[in-house]
C-alpha atoms as a PDB file:
ATOM      1  CA  UNK A   1     -24.684 -18.692  48.959  1.00  0.00           C
ATOM      2  CA  UNK A   2     -25.205 -15.129  48.964  1.00  0.00           C
ATOM      3  CA  UNK A   3     -24.340 -12.840  51.722  1.00  0.00           C
ATOM      4  CA  UNK A   4     -25.690  -9.844  52.965  1.00  0.00           C
ATOM      5  CA  UNK A   5     -23.648  -6.759  54.388  1.00  0.00           C
ATOM      6  CA  UNK A   6     -24.731  -7.350  58.132  1.00  0.00           C
ATOM      7  CA  UNK A   7     -23.029 -10.807  58.394  1.00  0.00           C
ATOM      8  CA  UNK A   8     -19.835  -9.399  56.508  1.00  0.00           C
ATOM      9  CA  UNK A   9     -19.580  -7.143  59.291  1.00  0.00           C
ATOM     10  CA  UNK A  10     -20.611  -9.619  62.324  1.00  0.00           C
ATOM     11  CA  UNK A  11     -17.703 -12.070  60.935  1.00  0.00           C
ATOM     12  CA  UNK A  12     -14.906  -9.473  61.083  1.00  0.00           C
ATOM     13  CA  UNK A  13     -16.102  -7.457  64.250  1.00  0.00           C
ATOM     14  CA  UNK A  14     -16.010  -9.329  67.931  1.00  0.00           C
ATOM     15  CA  UNK A  15     -18.106  -6.402  69.224  1.00  0.00           C
ATOM     16  CA  UNK A  16     -20.938  -6.866  66.752  1.00  0.00           C
ATOM     17  CA  UNK A  17     -24.000  -8.681  68.584  1.00  0.00           C
ATOM     18  CA  UNK A  18     -24.389 -11.107  65.710  1.00  0.00           C
ATOM     19  CA  UNK A  19     -20.540 -12.087  65.841  1.00  0.00           C
ATOM     20  CA  UNK A  20     -21.099 -15.665  67.427  1.00  0.00           C
ATOM     21  CA  UNK A  21     -23.861 -16.143  65.350  1.00  0.00           C
ATOM     22  CA  UNK A  22     -22.478 -15.329  62.224  1.00  0.00           C
ATOM     23  CA  UNK A  23     -19.163 -17.161  62.879  1.00  0.00           C
ATOM     24  CA  UNK A  24     -20.948 -20.496  64.203  1.00  0.00           C
ATOM     25  CA  UNK A  25     -23.060 -20.286  60.976  1.00  0.00           C
ATOM     26  CA  UNK A  26     -20.057 -19.573  58.704  1.00  0.00           C
ATOM     27  CA  UNK A  27     -18.390 -22.884  60.356  1.00  0.00           C
ATOM     28  CA  UNK A  28     -21.249 -24.917  59.394  1.00  0.00           C
ATOM     29  CA  UNK A  29     -20.294 -24.174  55.761  1.00  0.00           C
ATOM     30  CA  UNK A  30     -16.484 -24.639  55.999  1.00  0.00           C
ATOM     31  CA  UNK A  31     -16.309 -25.300  51.835  1.00  0.00           C
ATOM     32  CA  UNK A  32     -18.977 -22.913  51.050  1.00  0.00           C
ATOM     33  CA  UNK A  33     -17.887 -19.741  49.394  1.00  0.00           C
ATOM     34  CA  UNK A  34     -19.924 -16.774  50.144  1.00  0.00           C
ATOM     35  CA  UNK A  35     -21.320 -14.276  47.162  1.00  0.00           C
ATOM     36  CA  UNK A  36     -21.761 -10.784  47.903  1.00  0.00           C
ATOM     37  CA  UNK A  37     -22.544  -7.696  45.714  1.00  0.00           C
ATOM     38  CA  UNK A  38     -20.573  -4.506  45.108  1.00  0.00           C
ATOM     39  CA  UNK A  39     -23.734  -2.570  46.947  1.00  0.00           C
ATOM     40  CA  UNK A  40     -23.264  -5.010  49.863  1.00  0.00           C
ATOM     41  CA  UNK A  41     -19.344  -4.979  49.836  1.00  0.00           C
ATOM     42  CA  UNK A  42     -19.802  -0.973  49.979  1.00  0.00           C
ATOM     43  CA  UNK A  43     -22.028  -1.252  52.851  1.00  0.00           C
ATOM     44  CA  UNK A  44     -20.153  -3.419  54.828  1.00  0.00           C
ATOM     45  CA  UNK A  45     -16.930  -1.428  54.134  1.00  0.00           C
ATOM     46  CA  UNK A  46     -18.417   1.839  55.118  1.00  0.00           C
ATOM     47  CA  UNK A  47     -19.914  -0.049  58.680  1.00  0.00           C
ATOM     48  CA  UNK A  48     -16.396  -1.765  59.397  1.00  0.00           C
ATOM     49  CA  UNK A  49     -14.794   1.489  58.910  1.00  0.00           C
ATOM     50  CA  UNK A  50     -16.895   3.369  61.594  1.00  0.00           C
ATOM     51  CA  UNK A  51     -16.938   0.762  64.077  1.00  0.00           C
ATOM     52  CA  UNK A  52     -13.499  -1.258  63.277  1.00  0.00           C
ATOM     53  CA  UNK A  53     -11.251   1.149  61.254  1.00  0.00           C
ATOM     54  CA  UNK A  54      -8.813  -0.156  58.689  1.00  0.00           C
ATOM     55  CA  UNK A  55      -8.015  -3.675  60.367  1.00  0.00           C
ATOM     56  CA  UNK A  56     -11.752  -4.643  60.341  1.00  0.00           C
ATOM     57  CA  UNK A  57     -11.825  -3.655  56.513  1.00  0.00           C
ATOM     58  CA  UNK A  58      -8.596  -5.454  55.832  1.00  0.00           C
ATOM     59  CA  UNK A  59      -9.789  -8.512  57.004  1.00  0.00           C
ATOM     60  CA  UNK A  60     -12.762  -8.167  54.860  1.00  0.00           C
ATOM     61  CA  UNK A  61     -10.295  -7.689  51.826  1.00  0.00           C
ATOM     62  CA  UNK A  62      -8.564 -11.097  52.883  1.00  0.00           C
ATOM     63  CA  UNK A  63     -11.473 -12.758  52.793  1.00  0.00           C
ATOM     64  CA  UNK A  64     -11.849 -12.012  49.219  1.00  0.00           C
ATOM     65  CA  UNK A  65      -8.267 -12.711  48.515  1.00  0.00           C
ATOM     66  CA  UNK A  66      -8.548 -16.093  50.439  1.00  0.00           C
ATOM     67  CA  UNK A  67     -11.621 -16.739  47.733  1.00  0.00           C
ATOM     68  CA  UNK A  68     -13.911 -17.107  50.716  1.00  0.00           C
ATOM     69  CA  UNK A  69     -16.014 -14.490  49.413  1.00  0.00           C
ATOM     70  CA  UNK A  70     -16.666 -13.581  45.892  1.00  0.00           C
ATOM     71  CA  UNK A  71     -18.211 -10.672  44.180  1.00  0.00           C
ATOM     72  CA  UNK A  72     -21.226 -10.857  41.768  1.00  0.00           C
ATOM     73  CA  UNK A  73     -21.053  -8.775  38.595  1.00  0.00           C
ATOM     74  CA  UNK A  74     -24.497  -7.171  37.922  1.00  0.00           C
ATOM     75  CA  UNK A  75     -25.460  -7.102  34.250  1.00  0.00           C
ATOM     76  CA  UNK A  76     -26.823  -3.916  32.758  1.00  0.00           C
ATOM     77  CA  UNK A  77     -30.558  -5.012  32.722  1.00  0.00           C
ATOM     78  CA  UNK A  78     -30.033  -5.753  36.310  1.00  0.00           C
ATOM     79  CA  UNK A  79     -29.891  -2.308  37.467  1.00  0.00           C
ATOM     80  CA  UNK A  80     -33.805  -1.840  35.849  1.00  0.00           C
ATOM     81  CA  UNK A  81     -34.696  -5.116  37.959  1.00  0.00           C
ATOM     82  CA  UNK A  82     -33.230  -3.319  41.060  1.00  0.00           C
ATOM     83  CA  UNK A  83     -35.166  -0.028  40.513  1.00  0.00           C
ATOM     84  CA  UNK A  84     -38.387  -2.213  40.075  1.00  0.00           C
ATOM     85  CA  UNK A  85     -37.622  -4.356  43.514  1.00  0.00           C
ATOM     86  CA  UNK A  86     -36.932  -1.052  45.647  1.00  0.00           C
ATOM     87  CA  UNK A  87     -40.384   0.397  44.157  1.00  0.00           C
ATOM     88  CA  UNK A  88     -42.389  -2.849  44.602  1.00  0.00           C
ATOM     89  CA  UNK A  89     -41.133  -2.948  48.201  1.00  0.00           C
ATOM     90  CA  UNK A  90     -40.674   0.905  49.007  1.00  0.00           C
ATOM     91  CA  UNK A  91     -42.878   0.557  52.162  1.00  0.00           C
ATOM     92  CA  UNK A  92     -40.377  -2.352  53.310  1.00  0.00           C
ATOM     93  CA  UNK A  93     -37.980  -0.399  52.639  1.00  0.00           C
ATOM     94  CA  UNK A  94     -35.864  -2.045  50.417  1.00  0.00           C
ATOM     95  CA  UNK A  95     -32.529  -0.487  50.143  1.00  0.00           C
ATOM     96  CA  UNK A  96     -30.224  -0.917  47.078  1.00  0.00           C
ATOM     97  CA  UNK A  97     -27.791  -3.576  48.667  1.00  0.00           C
ATOM     98  CA  UNK A  98     -31.014  -5.752  49.461  1.00  0.00           C
ATOM     99  CA  UNK A  99     -32.543  -5.268  45.885  1.00  0.00           C
ATOM    100  CA  UNK A 100     -28.846  -6.091  44.122  1.00  0.00           C
ATOM    101  CA  UNK A 101     -28.947  -9.307  46.397  1.00  0.00           C
ATOM    102  CA  UNK A 102     -32.596 -10.265  45.214  1.00  0.00           C
ATOM    103  CA  UNK A 103     -31.124  -9.823  41.555  1.00  0.00           C
ATOM    104  CA  UNK A 104     -28.066 -11.727  41.947  1.00  0.00           C
ATOM    105  CA  UNK A 105     -30.155 -14.315  43.674  1.00  0.00           C
ATOM    106  CA  UNK A 106     -32.539 -14.297  40.584  1.00  0.00           C
ATOM    107  CA  UNK A 107     -29.495 -14.413  38.325  1.00  0.00           C
ATOM    108  CA  UNK A 108     -27.669 -17.573  40.055  1.00  0.00           C
ATOM    109  CA  UNK A 109     -30.945 -19.066  40.866  1.00  0.00           C
ATOM    110  CA  UNK A 110     -29.874 -19.117  44.591  1.00  0.00           C
ATOM    111  CA  UNK A 111     -32.642 -18.843  46.914  1.00  0.00           C
ATOM    112  CA  UNK A 112     -30.483 -18.750  50.374  1.00  0.00           C
ATOM    113  CA  UNK A 113     -29.214 -15.612  51.547  1.00  0.00           C
ATOM    114  CA  UNK A 114     -27.013 -15.186  54.945  1.00  0.00           C
ATOM    115  CA  UNK A 115     -28.471 -12.226  56.499  1.00  0.00           C
ATOM    116  CA  UNK A 116     -29.818 -11.104  59.930  1.00  0.00           C
ATOM    117  CA  UNK A 117     -32.319  -8.672  58.300  1.00  0.00           C
ATOM    118  CA  UNK A 118     -35.787 -10.016  58.842  1.00  0.00           C
ATOM    119  CA  UNK A 119     -37.162  -7.908  55.910  1.00  0.00           C
ATOM    120  CA  UNK A 120     -35.446 -10.562  53.479  1.00  0.00           C
ATOM    121  CA  UNK A 121     -38.452 -12.947  54.625  1.00  0.00           C
ATOM    122  CA  UNK A 122     -41.110 -10.884  52.695  1.00  0.00           C
ATOM    123  CA  UNK A 123     -39.242 -10.985  49.438  1.00  0.00           C
ATOM    124  CA  UNK A 124     -39.957 -13.100  46.513  1.00  0.00           C
ATOM    125  CA  UNK A 125     -37.632 -13.887  43.673  1.00  0.00           C
ATOM    126  CA  UNK A 126     -39.071 -13.001  40.248  1.00  0.00           C
ATOM    127  CA  UNK A 127     -40.520 -16.744  39.835  1.00  0.00           C
ATOM    128  CA  UNK A 128     -42.294 -15.859  43.263  1.00  0.00           C
ATOM    129  CA  UNK A 129     -40.011 -18.092  44.951  1.00  0.00           C
ATOM    130  CA  UNK A 130     -39.352 -17.404  48.638  1.00  0.00           C
ATOM    131  CA  UNK A 131     -35.934 -16.274  49.791  1.00  0.00           C
ATOM    132  CA  UNK A 132     -34.332 -18.844  52.113  1.00  0.00           C
ATOM    133  CA  UNK A 133     -32.726 -16.665  55.003  1.00  0.00           C
ATOM    134  CA  UNK A 134     -29.938 -18.177  57.159  1.00  0.00           C
ATOM    135  CA  UNK A 135     -29.100 -18.564  59.591  1.00  0.00           C
END
């Protein structure tokens, strides 16, 4: 299952207003490895650094070390698709992290994204499949 930056931050920070919901959802998928993109990881690390410091960032690194979180490696052609998506959904607006998740979803044929961002409900994959946003 793909994972946006918001849930990664919420899982690491007890003070995040989505913390309880993120933990509760993650516990319903104990054997599921989350997949994120480098753009989402960068965003999460930035937010964790601002609001939780090194300890929170270290906790996210530990999630990767324990293989609970995997990083999707984009192909060179994915960059063109991200640009196309950001242009198409410029009014939403769609940022690079969101575009990277949609592109990863298309490549992996994964329609479910763990996110608290409501705008994922308007995004469609390249085959017009809607994104299943959880929780």
